[in-house]
């Protein structure tokens, strides 16, 4: 079994994470924050890549502190079914709103200088 199925990194923008958080509340009644919305998007995508696979994500925060900021903008949330990550080969190719990279435990590049 390929490790690429499991060793992936996702970079998710504020707007995409907002969409994930709003969808999680609407669909599953989970009131959570932006990091949880981002984790939910990544988990949904990885599960869709291999149907029938169990995917677990951690809901790291609650939505209470986001009531006046994130949830006040719920009408701006894009439907999550329309969001897909751009697959990239390295960090220099990252693009918003969402990028995904096979990690394969590759170490980060050394800092310049």
N, C-alpha and C. Protein backbone atom coordinates (compact mmCIF):
# COMPACT_ATOMS: atom_id res chain seq x y z
N UNK A 1 0.84 -1.17 0.00
CA UNK A 1 0.00 0.00 0.00
C UNK A 1 0.89 1.24 0.00
N UNK A 2 0.58 2.19 -0.82
CA UNK A 2 1.37 3.41 -0.97
C UNK A 2 1.25 4.30 0.26
N UNK A 3 2.40 4.81 0.72
CA UNK A 3 2.37 5.76 1.83
C UNK A 3 1.79 7.09 1.39
N UNK A 4 1.74 7.37 0.09
CA UNK A 4 1.18 8.63 -0.38
C UNK A 4 -0.26 8.78 0.07
N UNK A 5 -0.94 7.69 0.27
CA UNK A 5 -2.31 7.77 0.74
C UNK A 5 -2.40 8.39 2.13
N UNK A 6 -1.35 8.24 2.91
CA UNK A 6 -1.39 8.66 4.29
C UNK A 6 -0.48 9.83 4.61
N UNK A 7 0.63 9.95 3.94
CA UNK A 7 1.61 10.98 4.23
C UNK A 7 1.42 12.16 3.29
N UNK A 8 0.44 12.99 3.60
CA UNK A 8 0.20 14.17 2.80
C UNK A 8 0.11 15.39 3.69
N UNK A 9 0.47 16.53 3.12
CA UNK A 9 0.35 17.82 3.79
C UNK A 9 -0.64 18.66 3.01
N UNK A 10 -1.46 19.40 3.73
CA UNK A 10 -2.42 20.30 3.11
C UNK A 10 -2.17 21.71 3.62
N UNK A 11 -2.14 22.68 2.71
CA UNK A 11 -2.08 24.09 3.07
C UNK A 11 -3.43 24.67 2.67
N UNK A 12 -4.16 25.21 3.63
CA UNK A 12 -5.54 25.63 3.39
C UNK A 12 -5.70 27.08 3.84
N UNK A 13 -6.24 27.90 2.95
CA UNK A 13 -6.41 29.33 3.24
C UNK A 13 -7.55 29.58 4.22
N UNK A 14 -7.62 30.82 4.71
CA UNK A 14 -8.69 31.23 5.61
C UNK A 14 -10.05 30.96 4.98
N UNK A 15 -10.24 31.37 3.72
CA UNK A 15 -11.55 31.23 3.07
C UNK A 15 -11.97 29.77 2.92
N UNK A 16 -11.03 28.91 2.57
CA UNK A 16 -11.36 27.49 2.44
C UNK A 16 -11.64 26.88 3.82
N UNK A 17 -10.87 27.27 4.83
CA UNK A 17 -11.11 26.77 6.19
C UNK A 17 -12.47 27.25 6.70
N UNK A 18 -12.84 28.49 6.36
CA UNK A 18 -14.16 29.00 6.72
C UNK A 18 -15.24 28.12 6.10
N UNK A 19 -15.08 27.77 4.84
CA UNK A 19 -16.05 26.89 4.17
C UNK A 19 -16.14 25.55 4.87
N UNK A 20 -14.99 25.00 5.27
CA UNK A 20 -15.00 23.72 5.98
C UNK A 20 -15.70 23.81 7.32
N UNK A 21 -15.43 24.88 8.07
CA UNK A 21 -16.05 25.05 9.39
C UNK A 21 -17.57 25.21 9.26
N UNK A 22 -18.00 26.02 8.30
CA UNK A 22 -19.43 26.24 8.11
C UNK A 22 -20.11 24.94 7.67
N UNK A 23 -19.49 24.20 6.76
CA UNK A 23 -20.07 22.93 6.31
C UNK A 23 -20.15 21.92 7.45
N UNK A 24 -19.12 21.87 8.27
CA UNK A 24 -19.11 20.96 9.40
C UNK A 24 -20.26 21.27 10.36
N UNK A 25 -20.54 22.55 10.57
CA UNK A 25 -21.66 22.94 11.42
C UNK A 25 -22.99 22.59 10.76
N UNK A 26 -23.13 22.93 9.50
CA UNK A 26 -24.40 22.67 8.80
C UNK A 26 -24.69 21.18 8.64
N UNK A 27 -23.68 20.43 8.28
CA UNK A 27 -23.89 19.01 7.94
C UNK A 27 -23.86 18.09 9.16
N UNK A 28 -23.00 18.43 10.14
CA UNK A 28 -22.78 17.50 11.26
C UNK A 28 -23.04 18.12 12.64
N UNK A 29 -23.48 19.38 12.69
CA UNK A 29 -23.75 20.09 13.94
C UNK A 29 -22.54 20.14 14.86
N UNK A 30 -21.34 20.25 14.25
CA UNK A 30 -20.11 20.41 15.02
C UNK A 30 -19.70 21.88 14.91
N UNK A 31 -19.73 22.58 16.04
CA UNK A 31 -19.41 24.00 16.10
C UNK A 31 -17.93 24.12 16.43
N UNK A 32 -17.12 24.39 15.43
CA UNK A 32 -15.68 24.34 15.59
C UNK A 32 -15.02 25.55 14.92
N UNK A 33 -13.74 25.69 15.14
CA UNK A 33 -13.00 26.82 14.60
C UNK A 33 -12.35 26.54 13.26
N UNK A 34 -11.50 27.47 12.86
CA UNK A 34 -10.89 27.40 11.53
C UNK A 34 -9.95 26.21 11.36
N UNK A 35 -9.15 25.90 12.35
CA UNK A 35 -8.23 24.77 12.18
C UNK A 35 -8.99 23.47 12.02
N UNK A 36 -10.11 23.35 12.71
CA UNK A 36 -10.95 22.17 12.55
C UNK A 36 -11.61 22.16 11.18
N UNK A 37 -12.05 23.33 10.70
CA UNK A 37 -12.62 23.41 9.35
C UNK A 37 -11.61 22.99 8.30
N UNK A 38 -10.35 23.39 8.47
CA UNK A 38 -9.30 23.00 7.54
C UNK A 38 -9.04 21.49 7.61
N UNK A 39 -8.97 20.95 8.83
CA UNK A 39 -8.74 19.52 9.00
C UNK A 39 -9.89 18.70 8.40
N UNK A 40 -11.10 19.20 8.56
CA UNK A 40 -12.29 18.55 7.98
C UNK A 40 -12.19 18.51 6.46
N UNK A 41 -11.80 19.62 5.84
CA UNK A 41 -11.64 19.63 4.37
C UNK A 41 -10.61 18.60 3.92
N UNK A 42 -9.47 18.59 4.58
CA UNK A 42 -8.41 17.66 4.21
C UNK A 42 -8.87 16.21 4.40
N UNK A 43 -9.54 15.92 5.50
CA UNK A 43 -10.03 14.56 5.77
C UNK A 43 -11.06 14.14 4.73
N UNK A 44 -11.99 15.03 4.39
CA UNK A 44 -13.00 14.72 3.35
C UNK A 44 -12.32 14.38 2.03
N UNK A 45 -11.33 15.20 1.67
CA UNK A 45 -10.65 14.97 0.40
C UNK A 45 -9.90 13.63 0.40
N UNK A 46 -9.17 13.36 1.45
CA UNK A 46 -8.40 12.12 1.50
C UNK A 46 -9.33 10.91 1.51
N UNK A 47 -10.47 11.00 2.18
CA UNK A 47 -11.44 9.90 2.17
C UNK A 47 -12.01 9.70 0.77
N UNK A 48 -12.30 10.77 0.06
CA UNK A 48 -12.85 10.67 -1.29
C UNK A 48 -11.85 10.05 -2.26
N UNK A 49 -10.57 10.23 -2.00
CA UNK A 49 -9.54 9.65 -2.87
C UNK A 49 -9.57 8.13 -2.83
N UNK A 50 -9.92 7.57 -1.67
CA UNK A 50 -9.98 6.12 -1.50
C UNK A 50 -11.31 5.80 -0.81
N UNK A 51 -12.39 5.64 -1.58
CA UNK A 51 -13.71 5.40 -0.99
C UNK A 51 -13.70 4.17 -0.07
N UNK A 52 -14.44 4.29 1.01
CA UNK A 52 -14.52 3.19 1.97
C UNK A 52 -13.44 3.23 3.03
N UNK A 53 -12.45 4.08 2.84
CA UNK A 53 -11.36 4.19 3.80
C UNK A 53 -11.82 4.98 5.02
N UNK A 54 -11.37 4.60 6.18
CA UNK A 54 -11.64 5.35 7.39
C UNK A 54 -10.60 6.44 7.53
N UNK A 55 -11.06 7.66 7.75
CA UNK A 55 -10.16 8.80 7.94
C UNK A 55 -10.53 9.47 9.25
N UNK A 56 -9.54 9.76 10.05
CA UNK A 56 -9.75 10.39 11.34
C UNK A 56 -9.09 11.76 11.32
N UNK A 57 -9.79 12.77 11.84
CA UNK A 57 -9.15 14.07 12.04
C UNK A 57 -9.49 14.56 13.44
N UNK A 58 -8.66 15.45 13.94
CA UNK A 58 -8.83 15.96 15.30
C UNK A 58 -9.47 17.34 15.22
N UNK A 59 -10.54 17.52 15.97
CA UNK A 59 -11.19 18.82 16.10
C UNK A 59 -10.48 19.56 17.23
N UNK A 60 -9.59 20.45 16.85
CA UNK A 60 -8.68 21.05 17.83
C UNK A 60 -9.24 22.27 18.55
N UNK A 61 -10.37 22.79 18.10
CA UNK A 61 -10.88 24.00 18.74
C UNK A 61 -12.40 24.05 18.64
N UNK A 62 -12.99 24.96 19.39
CA UNK A 62 -14.44 25.16 19.31
C UNK A 62 -14.71 26.43 18.53
N UNK A 63 -15.95 26.64 18.15
CA UNK A 63 -16.30 27.79 17.34
C UNK A 63 -16.65 29.04 18.12
N UNK A 64 -16.66 28.98 19.43
CA UNK A 64 -17.13 30.11 20.23
C UNK A 64 -16.38 31.41 19.95
N UNK A 65 -15.08 31.36 19.85
CA UNK A 65 -14.35 32.61 19.63
C UNK A 65 -14.45 33.11 18.19
N UNK A 66 -15.07 32.32 17.31
CA UNK A 66 -15.21 32.70 15.91
C UNK A 66 -16.62 33.18 15.56
N UNK A 67 -17.48 33.31 16.54
CA UNK A 67 -18.88 33.68 16.27
C UNK A 67 -18.98 35.01 15.53
N UNK A 68 -18.24 36.03 15.96
CA UNK A 68 -18.34 37.35 15.36
C UNK A 68 -17.47 37.53 14.12
N UNK A 69 -16.58 36.61 13.85
CA UNK A 69 -15.68 36.77 12.70
C UNK A 69 -16.01 35.75 11.61
N UNK A 70 -15.76 34.51 11.87
CA UNK A 70 -15.96 33.46 10.87
C UNK A 70 -17.45 33.21 10.61
N UNK A 71 -18.18 32.91 11.65
CA UNK A 71 -19.58 32.51 11.44
C UNK A 71 -20.46 33.68 11.02
N UNK A 72 -20.04 34.91 11.30
CA UNK A 72 -20.78 36.07 10.80
C UNK A 72 -20.67 36.16 9.28
N UNK A 73 -19.69 35.47 8.70
CA UNK A 73 -19.47 35.48 7.25
C UNK A 73 -19.95 34.17 6.59
N UNK A 74 -20.83 33.45 7.24
CA UNK A 74 -21.24 32.13 6.75
C UNK A 74 -21.80 32.17 5.33
N UNK A 75 -22.40 33.28 4.92
CA UNK A 75 -22.95 33.36 3.56
C UNK A 75 -21.87 33.38 2.49
N UNK A 76 -20.65 33.74 2.88
CA UNK A 76 -19.51 33.78 1.94
C UNK A 76 -18.88 32.40 1.74
N UNK A 77 -19.26 31.44 2.55
CA UNK A 77 -18.63 30.12 2.49
C UNK A 77 -18.96 29.41 1.18
N UNK A 78 -17.92 29.00 0.46
CA UNK A 78 -18.12 28.23 -0.77
C UNK A 78 -18.57 26.83 -0.42
N UNK A 79 -19.40 26.22 -1.23
CA UNK A 79 -19.77 24.82 -0.99
C UNK A 79 -18.51 23.94 -1.03
N UNK A 80 -18.32 23.11 -0.02
CA UNK A 80 -17.10 22.32 0.05
C UNK A 80 -16.98 21.33 -1.11
N UNK A 81 -18.10 20.94 -1.70
CA UNK A 81 -18.04 20.01 -2.83
C UNK A 81 -17.38 20.64 -4.06
N UNK A 82 -17.26 21.95 -4.07
CA UNK A 82 -16.60 22.65 -5.18
C UNK A 82 -15.12 22.90 -4.93
N UNK A 83 -14.67 22.67 -3.72
CA UNK A 83 -13.27 22.93 -3.36
C UNK A 83 -12.42 21.69 -3.58
N UNK A 84 -11.30 21.87 -4.23
CA UNK A 84 -10.34 20.78 -4.47
C UNK A 84 -8.94 21.36 -4.31
N UNK A 85 -8.03 20.58 -3.74
CA UNK A 85 -6.66 21.09 -3.62
C UNK A 85 -5.92 21.00 -4.94
N UNK A 86 -4.94 21.86 -5.08
CA UNK A 86 -4.00 21.76 -6.19
C UNK A 86 -2.86 20.87 -5.71
N UNK A 87 -2.61 19.77 -6.41
CA UNK A 87 -1.50 18.90 -6.04
C UNK A 87 -0.20 19.55 -6.47
N UNK A 88 0.75 19.64 -5.56
CA UNK A 88 2.05 20.26 -5.83
C UNK A 88 3.15 19.26 -5.49
N UNK A 89 4.33 19.50 -6.07
CA UNK A 89 5.48 18.63 -5.81
C UNK A 89 6.40 19.16 -4.73
N UNK A 90 6.40 20.49 -4.54
CA UNK A 90 7.21 21.08 -3.48
C UNK A 90 6.61 22.42 -3.05
N UNK A 91 7.15 22.97 -1.99
CA UNK A 91 6.56 24.17 -1.39
C UNK A 91 6.60 25.39 -2.30
N UNK A 92 7.51 25.41 -3.26
CA UNK A 92 7.59 26.56 -4.17
C UNK A 92 6.37 26.66 -5.07
N UNK A 93 5.57 25.60 -5.17
CA UNK A 93 4.39 25.58 -6.03
C UNK A 93 3.09 25.86 -5.27
N UNK A 94 3.16 26.15 -3.98
CA UNK A 94 1.96 26.36 -3.18
C UNK A 94 1.09 27.45 -3.79
N UNK A 95 -0.22 27.21 -3.78
CA UNK A 95 -1.17 28.17 -4.32
C UNK A 95 -2.44 28.16 -3.48
N UNK A 96 -3.01 29.32 -3.29
CA UNK A 96 -4.27 29.43 -2.57
C UNK A 96 -5.42 29.12 -3.51
N UNK A 97 -6.52 28.62 -3.03
CA UNK A 97 -6.88 28.54 -1.62
C UNK A 97 -6.45 27.26 -0.93
N UNK A 98 -5.95 26.26 -1.69
CA UNK A 98 -5.68 24.98 -1.06
C UNK A 98 -4.67 24.21 -1.91
N UNK A 99 -3.61 23.78 -1.27
CA UNK A 99 -2.61 22.94 -1.93
C UNK A 99 -2.39 21.67 -1.13
N UNK A 100 -2.02 20.62 -1.84
CA UNK A 100 -1.79 19.31 -1.22
C UNK A 100 -0.50 18.75 -1.78
N UNK A 101 0.33 18.18 -0.90
CA UNK A 101 1.61 17.63 -1.33
C UNK A 101 1.85 16.29 -0.65
N UNK A 102 2.31 15.32 -1.42
CA UNK A 102 2.75 14.06 -0.83
C UNK A 102 4.00 14.36 -0.02
N UNK A 103 3.98 14.01 1.24
CA UNK A 103 5.09 14.33 2.12
C UNK A 103 6.19 13.30 2.01
N UNK A 104 5.83 12.04 2.16
CA UNK A 104 6.79 10.94 2.12
C UNK A 104 7.99 11.19 3.04
N UNK A 105 7.73 11.90 4.11
CA UNK A 105 8.74 12.19 5.15
C UNK A 105 9.98 12.88 4.58
N UNK A 106 9.78 13.70 3.57
CA UNK A 106 10.87 14.46 2.98
C UNK A 106 11.23 15.61 3.93
N UNK A 107 12.50 15.77 4.26
CA UNK A 107 12.87 16.86 5.16
C UNK A 107 12.72 18.21 4.46
N UNK A 108 12.50 19.25 5.25
CA UNK A 108 12.38 20.60 4.71
C UNK A 108 13.73 21.04 4.15
N UNK A 109 13.68 21.94 3.18
CA UNK A 109 14.91 22.48 2.60
C UNK A 109 15.64 23.30 3.67
N UNK A 110 16.95 23.30 3.59
CA UNK A 110 17.76 24.08 4.54
C UNK A 110 17.53 25.56 4.30
N UNK A 111 17.47 26.37 5.36
CA UNK A 111 17.29 27.81 5.18
C UNK A 111 18.47 28.42 4.43
N UNK A 112 18.18 29.43 3.63
CA UNK A 112 19.23 30.10 2.86
C UNK A 112 20.09 30.93 3.80
N UNK A 113 21.35 30.99 3.48
CA UNK A 113 22.23 31.91 4.20
C UNK A 113 22.98 31.28 5.24
